[in-house]
Amino acid sequence: MKKYEIRMTLPESVKRFVNIVNKYDFDMDLRAGRHVVDAKSVLGIFSLDLSRVITLEIEDENIPEDQLKALLEDIKPFLA
C-alpha cells in the first residue's frame, strides 16, 4: 500500500481533487485519524476534518507504474 499526505483547504480544491482521481480506475481511500472514506466521493471527503493533513491510501499491487506516476503528477498541488 502506498500512502501520501494530502491537503485540501477549500471546497473548490475538493472538487478538483475528486475530478482528478475519478480519471483513474483503481481504488483510493482517504484517511483522517480513524475515519476512512472513498477518495472519489465529494461527500465523503467533506465528512473529514479538512483543517488537518489527510492520508491518501492506494492499494498498488496491480496498478501499472505509469498510471501511479501520472496520478502523482496530477495531484501534485495537493501533496503536503
C-alpha atoms as a PDB file:
ATOM      1  CA  MET A   1       0.000   0.000   0.000  1.00  0.00           C
ATOM      2  CA  LYS A   2       1.238   3.458  -0.921  1.00  0.00           C
ATOM      3  CA  LYS A   3       0.450   6.420   1.344  1.00  0.00           C
ATOM      4  CA  TYR A   4       0.647  10.115   0.501  1.00  0.00           C
ATOM      5  CA  GLU A   5      -0.132  13.146   2.645  1.00  0.00           C
ATOM      6  CA  ILE A   6      -2.796  15.400   1.083  1.00  0.00           C
ATOM      7  CA  ARG A   7      -4.006  18.878   1.999  1.00  0.00           C
ATOM      8  CA  MET A   8      -7.291  20.385   0.780  1.00  0.00           C
ATOM      9  CA  THR A   9      -8.465  23.574   2.429  1.00  0.00           C
ATOM     10  CA  LEU A  10     -11.126  24.986   0.108  1.00  0.00           C
ATOM     11  CA  PRO A  11     -14.327  23.406  -1.226  1.00  0.00           C
ATOM     12  CA  GLU A  12     -13.101  24.111  -4.768  1.00  0.00           C
ATOM     13  CA  SER A  13      -9.944  22.106  -4.118  1.00  0.00           C
ATOM     14  CA  VAL A  14     -12.027  19.108  -3.007  1.00  0.00           C
ATOM     15  CA  LYS A  15     -13.977  19.225  -6.268  1.00  0.00           C
ATOM     16  CA  ARG A  16     -10.759  19.500  -8.319  1.00  0.00           C
ATOM     17  CA  PHE A  17      -9.183  16.601  -6.395  1.00  0.00           C
ATOM     18  CA  VAL A  18     -12.220  14.346  -6.944  1.00  0.00           C
ATOM     19  CA  ASN A  19     -12.302  15.197 -10.667  1.00  0.00           C
ATOM     20  CA  ILE A  20      -8.650  14.193 -10.946  1.00  0.00           C
ATOM     21  CA  VAL A  21      -8.840  10.898  -9.048  1.00  0.00           C
ATOM     22  CA  ASN A  22     -12.011   9.842 -10.882  1.00  0.00           C
ATOM     23  CA  LYS A  23      -9.941   9.618 -14.087  1.00  0.00           C
ATOM     24  CA  TYR A  24      -8.179   6.569 -12.619  1.00  0.00           C
ATOM     25  CA  ASP A  25      -9.921   3.209 -12.389  1.00  0.00           C
ATOM     26  CA  PHE A  26      -8.224   1.905  -9.250  1.00  0.00           C
ATOM     27  CA  ASP A  27      -9.454   2.268  -5.675  1.00  0.00           C
ATOM     28  CA  MET A  28      -8.191   5.037  -3.421  1.00  0.00           C
ATOM     29  CA  ASP A  29      -9.144   5.939   0.123  1.00  0.00           C
ATOM     30  CA  LEU A  30      -8.591   8.986   2.275  1.00  0.00           C
ATOM     31  CA  ARG A  31      -7.851   8.514   5.966  1.00  0.00           C
ATOM     32  CA  ALA A  32      -8.114  11.155   8.682  1.00  0.00           C
ATOM     33  CA  GLY A  33      -7.435   9.542  12.034  1.00  0.00           C
ATOM     34  CA  ARG A  34      -9.706   6.532  12.253  1.00  0.00           C
ATOM     35  CA  HIS A  35     -12.122   7.778   9.584  1.00  0.00           C
ATOM     36  CA  VAL A  36     -11.723   6.338   6.074  1.00  0.00           C
ATOM     37  CA  VAL A  37     -13.680   7.475   3.006  1.00  0.00           C
ATOM     38  CA  ASP A  38     -13.587   6.795  -0.725  1.00  0.00           C
ATOM     39  CA  ALA A  39     -11.213   9.333  -2.313  1.00  0.00           C
ATOM     40  CA  LYS A  40     -13.621   9.636  -5.253  1.00  0.00           C
ATOM     41  CA  SER A  41     -16.532  10.808  -3.083  1.00  0.00           C
ATOM     42  CA  VAL A  42     -17.079  14.534  -2.630  1.00  0.00           C
ATOM     43  CA  LEU A  43     -19.490  13.975   0.249  1.00  0.00           C
ATOM     44  CA  GLY A  44     -17.133  11.520   1.892  1.00  0.00           C
ATOM     45  CA  ILE A  45     -14.254  13.990   1.760  1.00  0.00           C
ATOM     46  CA  PHE A  46     -16.393  16.759   3.231  1.00  0.00           C
ATOM     47  CA  SER A  47     -17.104  14.495   6.198  1.00  0.00           C
ATOM     48  CA  LEU A  48     -13.393  14.637   7.098  1.00  0.00           C
ATOM     49  CA  ASP A  49     -11.629  17.370   9.059  1.00  0.00           C
ATOM     50  CA  LEU A  50     -10.083  19.331   6.185  1.00  0.00           C
ATOM     51  CA  SER A  51      -8.082  21.533   8.528  1.00  0.00           C
ATOM     52  CA  ARG A  52      -5.706  18.589   9.020  1.00  0.00           C
ATOM     53  CA  VAL A  53      -3.462  16.710   6.635  1.00  0.00           C
ATOM     54  CA  ILE A  54      -5.252  13.686   5.167  1.00  0.00           C
ATOM     55  CA  THR A  55      -3.611  10.448   4.052  1.00  0.00           C
ATOM     56  CA  LEU A  56      -4.295   9.121   0.559  1.00  0.00           C
ATOM     57  CA  GLU A  57      -4.023   5.321   0.565  1.00  0.00           C
ATOM     58  CA  ILE A  58      -3.660   3.348  -2.656  1.00  0.00           C
ATOM     59  CA  GLU A  59      -3.503  -0.427  -2.927  1.00  0.00           C
ATOM     60  CA  ASP A  60      -0.768  -0.627  -5.536  1.00  0.00           C
ATOM     61  CA  GLU A  61      -0.430  -4.361  -6.134  1.00  0.00           C
ATOM     62  CA  ASN A  62      -1.983  -4.381  -9.626  1.00  0.00           C
ATOM     63  CA  ILE A  63      -1.532  -0.754 -10.666  1.00  0.00           C
ATOM     64  CA  PRO A  64       0.823  -0.119 -13.583  1.00  0.00           C
ATOM     65  CA  GLU A  65       3.718   2.107 -12.561  1.00  0.00           C
ATOM     66  CA  ASP A  66       2.978   4.625 -15.312  1.00  0.00           C
ATOM     67  CA  GLN A  67      -0.588   5.142 -14.022  1.00  0.00           C
ATOM     68  CA  LEU A  68       0.667   5.686 -10.486  1.00  0.00           C
ATOM     69  CA  LYS A  69       3.229   8.220 -11.721  1.00  0.00           C
ATOM     70  CA  ALA A  70       0.542  10.005 -13.758  1.00  0.00           C
ATOM     71  CA  LEU A  71      -1.730  10.187 -10.709  1.00  0.00           C
ATOM     72  CA  LEU A  72       1.047  11.620  -8.551  1.00  0.00           C
ATOM     73  CA  GLU A  73       1.805  14.228 -11.190  1.00  0.00           C
ATOM     74  CA  ASP A  74      -1.884  15.181 -11.404  1.00  0.00           C
ATOM     75  CA  ILE A  75      -2.322  15.519  -7.624  1.00  0.00           C
ATOM     76  CA  LYS A  76       0.987  17.311  -7.095  1.00  0.00           C
ATOM     77  CA  PRO A  77      -0.743  20.570  -5.988  1.00  0.00           C
ATOM     78  CA  PHE A  78      -2.452  18.649  -3.164  1.00  0.00           C
ATOM     79  CA  LEU A  79       0.594  16.842  -1.783  1.00  0.00           C
ATOM     80  CA  ALA A  80       1.531  18.141   1.653  1.00  0.00           C
END
